[in-house]
Amino acid sequence: MRGIPGMVIVDPCDALEIEQAVPAIADHQGPVYMRLLRGKVPLVLDKYDYQFELGKAKLLEDGNDVLIISSGLMNYARAGGG
């Protein structure tokens, strides 16, 4: 999908992010691919003051030792769930 010009890809972490992403996708002018999760996935972003913004990354935890970039279900693993 990334090879399609102008394609925006959304890889939500949990139901909260999906719920916030859908209206943003509906308002977006242009193609959007949202990769949905399968199975039962617990909430991860509910403990953060999370607000979805299309095309923006969010810092979930600050630190000094290492930088880890993740998306989708990998955020659940980062939170100690997987």
N, C-alpha and C. Protein backbone atom coordinates (compact mmCIF):
# COMPACT_ATOMS: atom_id res chain seq x y z
N MET A 1 0.81 -1.20 0.00
CA MET A 1 0.00 0.00 0.00
C MET A 1 0.86 1.27 0.00
N ARG A 2 2.02 1.20 0.60
CA ARG A 2 2.87 2.40 0.68
C ARG A 2 3.31 2.90 -0.68
N GLY A 3 3.29 2.02 -1.67
CA GLY A 3 3.71 2.41 -3.01
C GLY A 3 2.68 3.23 -3.76
N ILE A 4 1.47 3.31 -3.27
CA ILE A 4 0.42 4.08 -3.93
C ILE A 4 0.61 5.56 -3.57
N PRO A 5 0.77 6.43 -4.56
CA PRO A 5 0.99 7.85 -4.27
C PRO A 5 -0.14 8.45 -3.43
N GLY A 6 0.25 9.18 -2.41
CA GLY A 6 -0.71 9.87 -1.55
C GLY A 6 -1.41 8.99 -0.53
N MET A 7 -1.06 7.71 -0.49
CA MET A 7 -1.71 6.79 0.44
C MET A 7 -1.30 7.09 1.88
N VAL A 8 -2.28 7.19 2.75
CA VAL A 8 -2.04 7.36 4.18
C VAL A 8 -2.35 6.02 4.83
N ILE A 9 -1.43 5.53 5.66
CA ILE A 9 -1.60 4.24 6.32
C ILE A 9 -1.79 4.47 7.81
N VAL A 10 -2.85 3.86 8.35
CA VAL A 10 -3.14 3.95 9.78
C VAL A 10 -3.04 2.54 10.35
N ASP A 11 -2.18 2.37 11.36
CA ASP A 11 -1.98 1.07 12.01
C ASP A 11 -2.34 1.23 13.48
N PRO A 12 -3.63 1.13 13.82
CA PRO A 12 -4.06 1.40 15.19
C PRO A 12 -3.58 0.36 16.19
N CYS A 13 -3.40 0.80 17.41
CA CYS A 13 -2.91 -0.05 18.50
C CYS A 13 -4.04 -0.79 19.19
N ASP A 14 -5.15 -0.12 19.39
CA ASP A 14 -6.26 -0.72 20.15
C ASP A 14 -7.59 -0.09 19.72
N ALA A 15 -8.66 -0.49 20.38
CA ALA A 15 -9.99 0.00 20.02
C ALA A 15 -10.13 1.51 20.22
N LEU A 16 -9.46 2.06 21.21
CA LEU A 16 -9.50 3.50 21.44
C LEU A 16 -8.96 4.25 20.23
N GLU A 17 -7.84 3.79 19.71
CA GLU A 17 -7.25 4.46 18.55
C GLU A 17 -8.11 4.27 17.31
N ILE A 18 -8.70 3.09 17.14
CA ILE A 18 -9.61 2.87 16.01
C ILE A 18 -10.79 3.83 16.11
N GLU A 19 -11.37 3.94 17.29
CA GLU A 19 -12.52 4.82 17.50
C GLU A 19 -12.20 6.27 17.15
N GLN A 20 -11.00 6.71 17.48
CA GLN A 20 -10.60 8.09 17.19
C GLN A 20 -10.16 8.26 15.74
N ALA A 21 -9.64 7.20 15.12
CA ALA A 21 -9.12 7.30 13.76
C ALA A 21 -10.23 7.36 12.71
N VAL A 22 -11.32 6.65 12.93
CA VAL A 22 -12.38 6.57 11.91
C VAL A 22 -12.91 7.94 11.50
N PRO A 23 -13.27 8.84 12.42
CA PRO A 23 -13.73 10.16 11.98
C PRO A 23 -12.65 10.95 11.23
N ALA A 24 -11.40 10.83 11.66
CA ALA A 24 -10.30 11.53 10.98
C ALA A 24 -10.13 11.01 9.57
N ILE A 25 -10.26 9.70 9.39
CA ILE A 25 -10.15 9.10 8.07
C ILE A 25 -11.31 9.56 7.19
N ALA A 26 -12.51 9.62 7.75
CA ALA A 26 -13.68 10.05 6.98
C ALA A 26 -13.54 11.50 6.51
N ASP A 27 -12.89 12.33 7.31
CA ASP A 27 -12.69 13.74 6.95
C ASP A 27 -11.53 13.95 5.98
N HIS A 28 -10.65 12.98 5.86
CA HIS A 28 -9.45 13.11 5.03
C HIS A 28 -9.80 13.04 3.55
N GLN A 29 -9.22 13.92 2.77
CA GLN A 29 -9.39 13.90 1.32
C GLN A 29 -8.22 13.12 0.72
N GLY A 30 -8.48 11.94 0.21
CA GLY A 30 -7.44 11.11 -0.38
C GLY A 30 -7.53 9.69 0.14
N PRO A 31 -6.70 8.81 -0.43
CA PRO A 31 -6.78 7.40 -0.05
C PRO A 31 -6.19 7.13 1.34
N VAL A 32 -6.86 6.26 2.08
CA VAL A 32 -6.40 5.85 3.41
C VAL A 32 -6.58 4.35 3.54
N TYR A 33 -5.56 3.68 4.05
CA TYR A 33 -5.63 2.26 4.37
C TYR A 33 -5.48 2.12 5.88
N MET A 34 -6.49 1.53 6.53
CA MET A 34 -6.39 1.28 7.96
C MET A 34 -6.25 -0.22 8.18
N ARG A 35 -5.15 -0.59 8.77
CA ARG A 35 -4.87 -1.99 9.07
C ARG A 35 -5.54 -2.32 10.40
N LEU A 36 -6.55 -3.18 10.36
CA LEU A 36 -7.29 -3.49 11.57
C LEU A 36 -6.72 -4.70 12.30
N LEU A 37 -6.95 -4.73 13.58
CA LEU A 37 -6.46 -5.79 14.45
C LEU A 37 -7.39 -6.99 14.39
N ARG A 38 -6.84 -8.15 14.61
CA ARG A 38 -7.66 -9.36 14.68
C ARG A 38 -7.68 -9.88 16.11
N GLY A 39 -8.77 -10.48 16.46
CA GLY A 39 -8.85 -11.08 17.79
C GLY A 39 -9.09 -10.05 18.86
N LYS A 40 -9.01 -10.51 20.08
CA LYS A 40 -9.26 -9.66 21.24
C LYS A 40 -7.95 -8.96 21.64
N VAL A 41 -7.96 -7.65 21.57
CA VAL A 41 -6.77 -6.87 21.91
C VAL A 41 -7.15 -5.93 23.05
N PRO A 42 -6.42 -5.96 24.15
CA PRO A 42 -6.75 -5.09 25.29
C PRO A 42 -6.43 -3.62 24.98
N LEU A 43 -7.04 -2.74 25.75
CA LEU A 43 -6.73 -1.31 25.62
C LEU A 43 -5.31 -1.05 26.11
N VAL A 44 -4.60 -0.25 25.37
CA VAL A 44 -3.24 0.14 25.73
C VAL A 44 -3.18 1.65 25.96
N LEU A 45 -3.82 2.39 25.09
CA LEU A 45 -3.68 3.85 25.10
C LEU A 45 -4.58 4.54 26.12
N ASP A 46 -5.43 3.80 26.82
CA ASP A 46 -6.35 4.41 27.78
C ASP A 46 -5.63 5.02 28.98
N LYS A 47 -4.42 4.55 29.28
CA LYS A 47 -3.70 5.10 30.43
C LYS A 47 -2.88 6.34 30.07
N TYR A 48 -2.88 6.70 28.81
CA TYR A 48 -2.21 7.92 28.34
C TYR A 48 -3.31 8.91 27.95
N ASP A 49 -3.02 10.17 27.99
CA ASP A 49 -3.99 11.16 27.53
C ASP A 49 -3.89 11.22 26.01
N TYR A 50 -4.34 10.17 25.36
CA TYR A 50 -4.11 9.98 23.93
C TYR A 50 -5.21 10.61 23.09
N GLN A 51 -4.81 11.37 22.08
CA GLN A 51 -5.71 11.92 21.08
C GLN A 51 -5.11 11.64 19.71
N PHE A 52 -5.87 10.94 18.87
CA PHE A 52 -5.40 10.57 17.54
C PHE A 52 -5.32 11.80 16.64
N GLU A 53 -4.21 11.91 15.89
CA GLU A 53 -4.05 12.91 14.84
C GLU A 53 -3.50 12.20 13.62
N LEU A 54 -4.22 12.28 12.51
CA LEU A 54 -3.80 11.62 11.28
C LEU A 54 -2.44 12.16 10.84
N GLY A 55 -1.49 11.26 10.61
CA GLY A 55 -0.17 11.64 10.15
C GLY A 55 0.80 12.06 11.24
N LYS A 56 0.40 11.94 12.49
CA LYS A 56 1.26 12.35 13.61
C LYS A 56 1.60 11.17 14.49
N ALA A 57 2.84 11.13 14.94
CA ALA A 57 3.27 10.11 15.90
C ALA A 57 3.09 10.68 17.31
N LYS A 58 2.99 9.79 18.28
CA LYS A 58 2.83 10.21 19.67
C LYS A 58 3.92 9.59 20.53
N LEU A 59 4.46 10.37 21.44
CA LEU A 59 5.42 9.88 22.43
C LEU A 59 4.62 9.31 23.60
N LEU A 60 4.80 8.02 23.85
CA LEU A 60 4.08 7.39 24.95
C LEU A 60 4.87 7.41 26.25
N GLU A 61 6.19 7.33 26.13
CA GLU A 61 7.02 7.32 27.33
C GLU A 61 8.37 7.93 27.00
N ASP A 62 8.84 8.82 27.84
CA ASP A 62 10.11 9.50 27.63
C ASP A 62 11.21 8.77 28.39
N GLY A 63 12.41 8.77 27.83
CA GLY A 63 13.54 8.13 28.48
C GLY A 63 14.85 8.67 27.93
N ASN A 64 15.96 8.15 28.44
CA ASN A 64 17.28 8.63 28.04
C ASN A 64 18.17 7.56 27.42
N ASP A 65 17.77 6.29 27.49
CA ASP A 65 18.65 5.21 27.10
C ASP A 65 18.52 4.77 25.65
N VAL A 66 17.30 4.66 25.16
CA VAL A 66 17.08 4.08 23.84
C VAL A 66 15.81 4.66 23.23
N LEU A 67 15.76 4.67 21.90
CA LEU A 67 14.56 5.10 21.19
C LEU A 67 13.94 3.89 20.53
N ILE A 68 12.68 3.63 20.82
CA ILE A 68 11.95 2.53 20.19
C ILE A 68 10.75 3.12 19.47
N ILE A 69 10.63 2.82 18.19
CA ILE A 69 9.50 3.27 17.40
C ILE A 69 8.66 2.06 17.08
N SER A 70 7.37 2.13 17.40
CA SER A 70 6.49 1.00 17.12
C SER A 70 5.14 1.50 16.65
N SER A 71 4.37 0.59 16.08
CA SER A 71 3.02 0.94 15.66
C SER A 71 2.11 -0.26 15.87
N GLY A 72 0.83 0.02 15.91
CA GLY A 72 -0.14 -1.06 16.00
C GLY A 72 0.03 -1.91 17.24
N LEU A 73 -0.07 -3.21 17.06
CA LEU A 73 -0.05 -4.16 18.16
C LEU A 73 1.29 -4.19 18.90
N MET A 74 2.37 -3.73 18.27
CA MET A 74 3.67 -3.70 18.95
C MET A 74 3.63 -2.77 20.16
N ASN A 75 2.75 -1.79 20.16
CA ASN A 75 2.61 -0.93 21.34
C ASN A 75 2.10 -1.72 22.53
N TYR A 76 1.26 -2.71 22.28
CA TYR A 76 0.77 -3.59 23.35
C TYR A 76 1.93 -4.37 23.95
N ALA A 77 2.81 -4.88 23.11
CA ALA A 77 3.98 -5.61 23.59
C ALA A 77 4.89 -4.69 24.40
N ARG A 78 5.03 -3.44 23.97
CA ARG A 78 5.86 -2.48 24.67
C ARG A 78 5.29 -2.19 26.05
N ALA A 79 3.97 -2.23 26.17
CA ALA A 79 3.32 -1.94 27.44
C ALA A 79 3.38 -3.14 28.39
N GLY A 80 4.05 -4.21 27.97
CA GLY A 80 4.21 -5.37 28.83
C GLY A 80 3.13 -6.41 28.68
N GLY A 81 2.34 -6.30 27.63
CA GLY A 81 1.24 -7.23 27.46
C GLY A 81 1.51 -8.40 26.56
N GLY A 82 2.63 -8.41 25.88
CA GLY A 82 2.81 -9.51 24.93
C GLY A 82 4.20 -9.99 24.82
